[in-house]
C-alpha atoms as a PDB file:
ATOM      1  CA  MET A   1     119.901 -21.779  69.627  1.00  0.00           C
ATOM      2  CA  ALA A   2     123.338 -20.939  68.634  1.00  0.00           C
ATOM      3  CA  LEU A   3     124.493 -17.547  69.532  1.00  0.00           C
ATOM      4  CA  LYS A   4     126.412 -15.422  66.786  1.00  0.00           C
ATOM      5  CA  ARG A   5     129.135 -13.461  67.405  1.00  0.00           C
ATOM      6  CA  ARG A   6     130.489 -10.481  65.277  1.00  0.00           C
ATOM      7  CA  VAL A   7     133.818  -9.172  65.687  1.00  0.00           C
ATOM      8  CA  VAL A   8     134.345  -5.333  65.054  1.00  0.00           C
ATOM      9  CA  ILE A   9     138.160  -4.606  63.950  1.00  0.00           C
ATOM     10  CA  THR A  10     139.018  -0.912  64.459  1.00  0.00           C
ATOM     11  CA  ALA A  11     142.430   0.630  63.902  1.00  0.00           C
ATOM     12  CA  TYR A  12     144.468   1.838  66.959  1.00  0.00           C
ATOM     13  CA  ARG A  13     145.196   5.575  66.947  1.00  0.00           C
ATOM     14  CA  PRO A  14     146.390   6.715  70.043  1.00  0.00           C
ATOM     15  CA  TRP A  15     147.617  10.322  68.579  1.00  0.00           C
ATOM     16  CA  MET A  16     143.817  11.088  68.035  1.00  0.00           C
ATOM     17  CA  ARG A  17     142.969  11.341  71.333  1.00  0.00           C
ATOM     18  CA  TRP A  18     145.690  13.685  72.259  1.00  0.00           C
ATOM     19  CA  THR A  19     144.552  15.881  69.367  1.00  0.00           C
ATOM     20  CA  LEU A  20     140.986  15.875  70.359  1.00  0.00           C
ATOM     21  CA  LEU A  21     142.159  16.668  73.876  1.00  0.00           C
ATOM     22  CA  THR A  22     144.500  19.440  72.857  1.00  0.00           C
ATOM     23  CA  GLY A  23     142.141  21.019  70.322  1.00  0.00           C
ATOM     24  CA  GLY A  24     139.262  20.901  73.123  1.00  0.00           C
ATOM     25  CA  SER A  25     141.356  22.625  75.565  1.00  0.00           C
ATOM     26  CA  ALA A  26     142.488  25.238  72.849  1.00  0.00           C
ATOM     27  CA  LEU A  27     138.917  25.992  71.872  1.00  0.00           C
ATOM     28  CA  LEU A  28     137.955  26.095  75.729  1.00  0.00           C
ATOM     29  CA  ALA A  29     140.621  28.528  76.478  1.00  0.00           C
ATOM     30  CA  LEU A  30     140.089  30.594  73.333  1.00  0.00           C
ATOM     31  CA  GLY A  31     136.449  31.007  74.407  1.00  0.00           C
ATOM     32  CA  ALA A  32     137.382  31.817  77.847  1.00  0.00           C
ATOM     33  CA  TRP A  33     139.505  34.876  76.565  1.00  0.00           C
ATOM     34  CA  ALA A  34     137.006  35.934  74.148  1.00  0.00           C
ATOM     35  CA  LEU A  35     134.565  35.825  76.827  1.00  0.00           C
ATOM     36  CA  TYR A  36     137.184  37.459  79.076  1.00  0.00           C
ATOM     37  CA  ALA A  37     137.877  40.126  76.435  1.00  0.00           C
ATOM     38  CA  TYR A  38     134.345  40.795  75.775  1.00  0.00           C
ATOM     39  CA  THR A  39     133.302  40.906  79.808  1.00  0.00           C
ATOM     40  CA  ARG A  40     136.468  43.197  80.103  1.00  0.00           C
ATOM     41  CA  ALA A  41     135.566  45.698  77.318  1.00  0.00           C
ATOM     42  CA  THR A  42     131.733  45.528  78.133  1.00  0.00           C
ATOM     43  CA  THR A  43     132.662  46.389  81.816  1.00  0.00           C
ATOM     44  CA  VAL A  44     135.243  48.956  81.041  1.00  0.00           C
ATOM     45  CA  SER A  45     132.895  50.850  78.755  1.00  0.00           C
ATOM     46  CA  ASP A  46     130.234  50.685  81.287  1.00  0.00           C
ATOM     47  CA  PHE A  47     132.475  51.915  84.219  1.00  0.00           C
ATOM     48  CA  GLU A  48     133.495  54.721  81.961  1.00  0.00           C
ATOM     49  CA  ARG A  49     130.213  55.603  81.019  1.00  0.00           C
ATOM     50  CA  ALA A  50     129.121  55.724  84.594  1.00  0.00           C
ATOM     51  CA  GLN A  51     132.281  57.807  85.716  1.00  0.00           C
ATOM     52  CA  ILE A  52     131.298  60.267  82.668  1.00  0.00           C
ATOM     53  CA  GLU A  53     127.779  60.180  83.859  1.00  0.00           C
ATOM     54  CA  ARG A  54     129.062  60.595  87.547  1.00  0.00           C
ATOM     55  CA  ASP A  55     131.273  63.369  86.705  1.00  0.00           C
ATOM     56  CA  GLN A  56     128.714  65.239  84.921  1.00  0.00           C
ATOM     57  CA  LEU A  57     126.226  64.929  87.720  1.00  0.00           C
ATOM     58  CA  MET A  58     129.082  66.270  90.012  1.00  0.00           C
ATOM     59  CA  ALA A  59     129.474  69.175  87.796  1.00  0.00           C
ATOM     60  CA  GLU A  60     126.027  70.069  87.557  1.00  0.00           C
ATOM     61  CA  ARG A  61     125.561  69.826  91.343  1.00  0.00           C
ATOM     62  CA  ARG A  62     128.243  72.109  91.794  1.00  0.00           C
ATOM     63  CA  GLU A  63     126.760  74.472  89.485  1.00  0.00           C
ATOM     64  CA  LEU A  64     123.273  74.180  91.079  1.00  0.00           C
ATOM     65  CA  THR A  65     125.232  74.763  94.311  1.00  0.00           C
ATOM     66  CA  ARG A  66     126.732  77.937  92.783  1.00  0.00           C
ATOM     67  CA  SER A  67     123.523  79.271  91.706  1.00  0.00           C
ATOM     68  CA  LEU A  68     121.706  78.269  95.003  1.00  0.00           C
ATOM     69  CA  ARG A  69     124.208  79.929  96.761  1.00  0.00           C
ATOM     70  CA  GLU A  70     123.921  83.335  94.441  1.00  0.00           C
ATOM     71  CA  ALA A  71     120.338  83.095  94.891  1.00  0.00           C
ATOM     72  CA  ARG A  72     120.443  82.761  98.627  1.00  0.00           C
ATOM     73  CA  LYS A  73     122.687  85.739  98.324  1.00  0.00           C
ATOM     74  CA  GLU A  74     120.291  87.776  96.191  1.00  0.00           C
ATOM     75  CA  ILE A  75     117.556  86.697  98.389  1.00  0.00           C
ATOM     76  CA  SER A  76     119.315  88.195 101.615  1.00  0.00           C
ATOM     77  CA  ASP A  77     120.130  91.370  99.647  1.00  0.00           C
ATOM     78  CA  LEU A  78     116.603  91.798  98.639  1.00  0.00           C
ATOM     79  CA  LYS A  79     115.299  91.111 102.282  1.00  0.00           C
ATOM     80  CA  GLU A  80     117.610  93.853 103.600  1.00  0.00           C
ATOM     81  CA  GLN A  81     116.605  96.284 100.789  1.00  0.00           C
ATOM     82  CA  VAL A  82     113.158  95.691 101.716  1.00  0.00           C
ATOM     83  CA  VAL A  83     113.839  96.074 105.565  1.00  0.00           C
ATOM     84  CA  TYR A  84     115.746  99.563 104.525  1.00  0.00           C
ATOM     85  CA  LEU A  85     112.882 100.636 102.526  1.00  0.00           C
ATOM     86  CA  GLN A  86     110.098  99.854 105.104  1.00  0.00           C
ATOM     87  CA  ARG A  87     112.126 101.679 107.749  1.00  0.00           C
ATOM     88  CA  SER A  88     112.870 104.600 105.363  1.00  0.00           C
ATOM     89  CA  GLN A  89     108.804 104.558 104.682  1.00  0.00           C
ATOM     90  CA  GLU A  90     108.350 104.829 108.250  1.00  0.00           C
ATOM     91  CA  ILE A  91     110.717 107.485 108.919  1.00  0.00           C
ATOM     92  CA  ASP A  92     109.442 109.252 106.052  1.00  0.00           C
ATOM     93  CA  LYS A  93     105.763 108.856 107.009  1.00  0.00           C
ATOM     94  CA  GLN A  94     106.498 109.841 110.746  1.00  0.00           C
ATOM     95  CA  ALA A  95     108.399 112.938 109.504  1.00  0.00           C
ATOM     96  CA  CYS A  96     105.502 113.810 106.953  1.00  0.00           C
ATOM     97  CA  GLU A  97     103.161 113.360 109.833  1.00  0.00           C
ATOM     98  CA  THR A  98     105.387 115.416 112.407  1.00  0.00           C
ATOM     99  CA  VAL A  99     105.618 118.118 109.578  1.00  0.00           C
ATOM    100  CA  ARG A 100     101.774 118.200 108.911  1.00  0.00           C
ATOM    101  CA  SER A 101     100.754 117.933 112.609  1.00  0.00           C
ATOM    102  CA  SER A 102     103.194 121.171 113.154  1.00  0.00           C
ATOM    103  CA  LEU A 103     101.774 122.732 110.016  1.00  0.00           C
ATOM    104  CA  THR A 104      98.208 122.319 111.388  1.00  0.00           C
ATOM    105  CA  HIS A 105      99.023 123.433 114.614  1.00  0.00           C
ATOM    106  CA  LEU A 106     100.979 126.455 113.345  1.00  0.00           C
ATOM    107  CA  GLN A 107      97.858 127.199 111.010  1.00  0.00           C
ATOM    108  CA  GLU A 108      95.305 127.277 113.949  1.00  0.00           C
ATOM    109  CA  GLU A 109      97.697 129.342 115.860  1.00  0.00           C
ATOM    110  CA  ALA A 110      97.804 131.749 113.058  1.00  0.00           C
ATOM    111  CA  SER A 111      94.065 131.668 112.710  1.00  0.00           C
ATOM    112  CA  ASP A 112      93.838 132.570 116.502  1.00  0.00           C
ATOM    113  CA  LEU A 113      96.473 135.260 116.470  1.00  0.00           C
ATOM    114  CA  GLN A 114      94.443 136.846 113.280  1.00  0.00           C
ATOM    115  CA  GLU A 115      91.143 136.688 115.080  1.00  0.00           C
ATOM    116  CA  GLN A 116      92.873 138.311 118.321  1.00  0.00           C
ATOM    117  CA  VAL A 117      94.437 140.791 116.212  1.00  0.00           C
ATOM    118  CA  ALA A 118      91.269 141.552 114.568  1.00  0.00           C
ATOM    119  CA  PHE A 119      89.483 141.706 117.856  1.00  0.00           C
ATOM    120  CA  TYR A 120      91.699 144.014 119.410  1.00  0.00           C
ATOM    121  CA  ARG A 121      92.016 146.196 116.337  1.00  0.00           C
ATOM    122  CA  GLY A 122      88.363 146.532 116.544  1.00  0.00           C
ATOM    123  CA  ILE A 123      88.807 147.997 119.996  1.00  0.00           C
ATOM    124  CA  VAL A 124      91.845 150.191 119.389  1.00  0.00           C
ATOM    125  CA  SER A 125      90.962 151.425 116.370  1.00  0.00           C
ATOM    126  CA  PRO A 126      87.464 150.767 114.924  1.00  0.00           C
ATOM    127  CA  ASP A 127      85.863 152.143 111.819  1.00  0.00           C
ATOM    128  CA  SER A 128      84.162 155.485 112.520  1.00  0.00           C
ATOM    129  CA  SER A 129      80.895 154.127 111.622  1.00  0.00           C
ATOM    130  CA  ARG A 130      81.312 151.453 114.203  1.00  0.00           C
ATOM    131  CA  ALA A 131      82.594 153.102 117.067  1.00  0.00           C
ATOM    132  CA  GLY A 132      81.197 152.871 120.441  1.00  0.00           C
ATOM    133  CA  VAL A 133      79.786 149.578 121.951  1.00  0.00           C
ATOM    134  CA  ARG A 134      78.661 147.009 119.356  1.00  0.00           C
ATOM    135  CA  VAL A 135      78.770 143.177 118.740  1.00  0.00           C
ATOM    136  CA  TYR A 136      81.965 141.924 117.863  1.00  0.00           C
ATOM    137  CA  GLU A 137      80.859 138.024 117.352  1.00  0.00           C
ATOM    138  CA  PHE A 138      77.586 135.987 118.114  1.00  0.00           C
ATOM    139  CA  LYS A 139      77.476 132.272 117.319  1.00  0.00           C
ATOM    140  CA  VAL A 140      75.437 129.343 118.053  1.00  0.00           C
ATOM    141  CA  PHE A 141      76.506 125.595 118.488  1.00  0.00           C
ATOM    142  CA  GLY A 142      74.380 122.606 118.208  1.00  0.00           C
ATOM    143  CA  THR A 143      74.581 120.047 121.063  1.00  0.00           C
ATOM    144  CA  SER A 144      74.083 116.477 121.467  1.00  0.00           C
ATOM    145  CA  THR A 145      70.229 117.163 122.761  1.00  0.00           C
ATOM    146  CA  PRO A 146      68.083 117.746 119.779  1.00  0.00           C
ATOM    147  CA  GLY A 147      66.660 121.336 120.014  1.00  0.00           C
ATOM    148  CA  VAL A 148      69.376 122.678 122.256  1.00  0.00           C
ATOM    149  CA  PHE A 149      71.971 124.828 121.288  1.00  0.00           C
ATOM    150  CA  ARG A 150      75.034 126.790 122.966  1.00  0.00           C
ATOM    151  CA  TYR A 151      75.563 130.749 122.174  1.00  0.00           C
ATOM    152  CA  GLU A 152      78.666 132.671 122.453  1.00  0.00           C
ATOM    153  CA  LEU A 153      78.550 136.887 122.197  1.00  0.00           C
ATOM    154  CA  VAL A 154      81.195 139.229 122.624  1.00  0.00           C
ATOM    155  CA  LEU A 155      80.860 142.878 122.786  1.00  0.00           C
ATOM    156  CA  ILE A 156      83.534 145.316 122.437  1.00  0.00           C
ATOM    157  CA  GLN A 157      83.809 149.149 122.801  1.00  0.00           C
ATOM    158  CA  SER A 158      86.536 151.379 121.221  1.00  0.00           C
ATOM    159  CA  VAL A 159      89.288 152.747 123.407  1.00  0.00           C
ATOM    160  CA  ARG A 160      88.226 156.089 122.360  1.00  0.00           C
ATOM    161  CA  HIS A 161      85.374 155.621 124.821  1.00  0.00           C
ATOM    162  CA  ASP A 162      87.422 154.930 128.045  1.00  0.00           C
ATOM    163  CA  ARG A 163      84.494 154.968 130.558  1.00  0.00           C
ATOM    164  CA  ARG A 164      82.838 151.946 131.762  1.00  0.00           C
ATOM    165  CA  ILE A 165      79.407 151.559 129.794  1.00  0.00           C
ATOM    166  CA  ALA A 166      76.328 149.484 131.000  1.00  0.00           C
ATOM    167  CA  GLY A 167      73.210 148.351 129.728  1.00  0.00           C
ATOM    168  CA  ARG A 168      71.399 145.183 128.312  1.00  0.00           C
ATOM    169  CA  ILE A 169      71.281 142.977 125.411  1.00  0.00           C
ATOM    170  CA  GLU A 170      68.019 141.823 123.597  1.00  0.00           C
ATOM    171  CA  VAL A 171      68.333 138.737 121.652  1.00  0.00           C
ATOM    172  CA  ALA A 172      65.319 137.406 119.637  1.00  0.00           C
ATOM    173  CA  VAL A 173      65.217 134.156 117.452  1.00  0.00           C
ATOM    174  CA  GLN A 174      63.156 134.406 114.494  1.00  0.00           C
ATOM    175  CA  GLY A 175      61.871 131.402 112.615  1.00  0.00           C
ATOM    176  CA  LEU A 176      58.727 129.337 111.660  1.00  0.00           C
ATOM    177  CA  GLN A 177      56.630 127.191 113.168  1.00  0.00           C
ATOM    178  CA  ALA A 178      53.632 125.483 111.888  1.00  0.00           C
ATOM    179  CA  GLY A 179      54.418 127.385 108.777  1.00  0.00           C
ATOM    180  CA  LEU A 180      53.737 130.755 110.532  1.00  0.00           C
ATOM    181  CA  PRO A 181      56.419 133.557 111.365  1.00  0.00           C
ATOM    182  CA  GLN A 182      57.517 133.315 115.023  1.00  0.00           C
ATOM    183  CA  SER A 183      59.763 135.073 117.292  1.00  0.00           C
ATOM    184  CA  VAL A 184      61.341 133.578 120.462  1.00  0.00           C
ATOM    185  CA  ARG A 185      63.400 135.828 123.105  1.00  0.00           C
ATOM    186  CA  LEU A 186      66.764 134.175 124.011  1.00  0.00           C
ATOM    187  CA  THR A 187      65.910 135.143 127.892  1.00  0.00           C
ATOM    188  CA  ASP A 188      62.678 132.750 127.486  1.00  0.00           C
ATOM    189  CA  VAL A 189      64.627 129.986 126.358  1.00  0.00           C
ATOM    190  CA  THR A 190      67.855 130.177 128.401  1.00  0.00           C
ATOM    191  CA  LEU A 191      68.216 126.937 130.366  1.00  0.00           C
ATOM    192  CA  GLY A 192      69.718 126.469 133.840  1.00  0.00           C
ATOM    193  CA  ASN A 193      71.207 129.237 135.463  1.00  0.00           C
ATOM    194  CA  GLY A 194      71.814 131.105 132.324  1.00  0.00           C
ATOM    195  CA  GLN A 195      74.050 134.224 132.401  1.00  0.00           C
ATOM    196  CA  ASN A 196      71.585 137.510 132.351  1.00  0.00           C
ATOM    197  CA  LEU A 197      72.155 139.407 129.292  1.00  0.00           C
ATOM    198  CA  LEU A 198      73.241 142.641 131.299  1.00  0.00           C
ATOM    199  CA  PHE A 199      76.382 143.985 130.376  1.00  0.00           C
ATOM    200  CA  SER A 200      78.930 146.525 132.093  1.00  0.00           C
ATOM    201  CA  PHE A 201      82.587 146.610 130.764  1.00  0.00           C
ATOM    202  CA  LYS A 202      85.068 149.123 129.714  1.00  0.00           C
ATOM    203  CA  TYR A 203      86.559 147.312 126.577  1.00  0.00           C
ATOM    204  CA  PHE A 204      84.935 144.037 125.968  1.00  0.00           C
ATOM    205  CA  GLU A 205      82.759 141.447 127.776  1.00  0.00           C
ATOM    206  CA  GLU A 206      81.726 137.646 126.675  1.00  0.00           C
ATOM    207  CA  PHE A 207      78.527 136.016 127.285  1.00  0.00           C
ATOM    208  CA  ALA A 208      77.829 132.171 126.866  1.00  0.00           C
ATOM    209  CA  GLY A 209      74.852 129.820 127.485  1.00  0.00           C
ATOM    210  CA  GLU A 210      72.514 127.382 126.387  1.00  0.00           C
ATOM    211  CA  PHE A 211      68.952 127.543 125.185  1.00  0.00           C
ATOM    212  CA  ARG A 212      66.250 125.210 123.967  1.00  0.00           C
ATOM    213  CA  LEU A 213      63.711 126.110 120.980  1.00  0.00           C
ATOM    214  CA  PRO A 214      60.269 125.097 120.882  1.00  0.00           C
ATOM    215  CA  ASP A 215      59.452 121.536 119.456  1.00  0.00           C
ATOM    216  CA  GLY A 216      58.947 122.343 115.307  1.00  0.00           C
ATOM    217  CA  PHE A 217      60.306 125.687 115.497  1.00  0.00           C
ATOM    218  CA  ARG A 218      62.695 126.111 112.662  1.00  0.00           C
ATOM    219  CA  PRO A 219      65.135 129.114 113.210  1.00  0.00           C
ATOM    220  CA  THR A 220      65.948 131.312 110.323  1.00  0.00           C
ATOM    221  CA  ARG A 221      67.532 134.423 111.719  1.00  0.00           C
ATOM    222  CA  VAL A 222      68.650 135.884 114.861  1.00  0.00           C
ATOM    223  CA  SER A 223      68.351 139.742 115.971  1.00  0.00           C
ATOM    224  CA  VAL A 224      70.674 141.104 118.512  1.00  0.00           C
ATOM    225  CA  ALA A 225      70.230 144.688 120.060  1.00  0.00           C
ATOM    226  CA  VAL A 226      72.503 146.338 122.315  1.00  0.00           C
ATOM    227  CA  VAL A 227      71.019 148.994 124.589  1.00  0.00           C
ATOM    228  CA  PRO A 228      73.237 151.162 126.745  1.00  0.00           C
ATOM    229  CA  GLU A 229      71.586 152.785 129.624  1.00  0.00           C
ATOM    230  CA  GLY A 230      72.722 156.402 130.831  1.00  0.00           C
ATOM    231  CA  SER A 231      75.517 156.888 128.296  1.00  0.00           C
ATOM    232  CA  GLY A 232      73.739 158.761 125.679  1.00  0.00           C
ATOM    233  CA  LEU A 233      75.035 156.069 123.317  1.00  0.00           C
ATOM    234  CA  PRO A 234      72.623 155.038 120.484  1.00  0.00           C
ATOM    235  CA  ARG A 235      71.061 151.433 120.300  1.00  0.00           C
ATOM    236  CA  VAL A 236      72.789 149.153 118.159  1.00  0.00           C
ATOM    237  CA  GLU A 237      70.943 146.184 116.418  1.00  0.00           C
ATOM    238  CA  ASP A 238      72.197 143.789 114.159  1.00  0.00           C
ATOM    239  CA  GLU A 239      70.636 140.685 112.481  1.00  0.00           C
ATOM    240  CA  TYR A 240      72.197 137.416 111.467  1.00  0.00           C
ATOM    241  CA  GLU A 241      71.151 134.456 109.180  1.00  0.00           C
ATOM    242  CA  TRP A 242      71.018 131.205 111.525  1.00  0.00           C
ATOM    243  CA  SER A 243      73.158 129.351 108.755  1.00  0.00           C
ATOM    244  CA  LYS A 244      75.980 131.963 108.848  1.00  0.00           C
ATOM    245  CA  ILE A 245      76.493 131.995 112.608  1.00  0.00           C
ATOM    246  CA  GLN A 246      76.093 128.352 113.310  1.00  0.00           C
ATOM    247  CA  GLY A 247      79.718 127.117 114.390  1.00  0.00           C
ATOM    248  CA  GLY A 248      81.352 123.649 114.174  1.00  0.00           C
END
């Protein structure tokens, strides 16, 4: 089989190759420049934006730091004020307690002095109707033992009678037992080595002791009789409501 040959005839253009190479290089250079310009513009824009954000954050941080410093200073000032007020309150409280204690003490002292004045006034210048020996005070006090009481009795005599006076005291506790009236003599219910109710004094004398009331006995009043002996003075009797002679 015979081979067929085909002959292709082309025109020889050496300048075309140079033109294509030059154009391609120019296009590449232009693309590179455009890419560089875009990249640079984008990068600069992002950098400027980041720098602006950084500046804003730094300014905000400085503002927060200043606010934090002011807040800490304000807290410190408030703490100092709280400490000052607490100390002032403690000082005022202590001062008030001191004044209150002093006032209470003075009131108690004034009350004691008033009682003493009244006591000595009763001795020095008693009422004409109360001249001579008489009961100045009679009190009863409860104890920690049920049914057991402590009594305190004070007798006085006017200085108009400057002689010693002697005699006896009769004390009876009246009340109810099992619903019936009952009277109990103090000398019969006195506990221990109770002081006998015999007196001998010139101006005043004090008596004290403890007594036990019978079980179920409900006291209502106490009668006290002062009986001078060999002096020509009359017998003096007083009655006291139980509720009014009970001390604290």
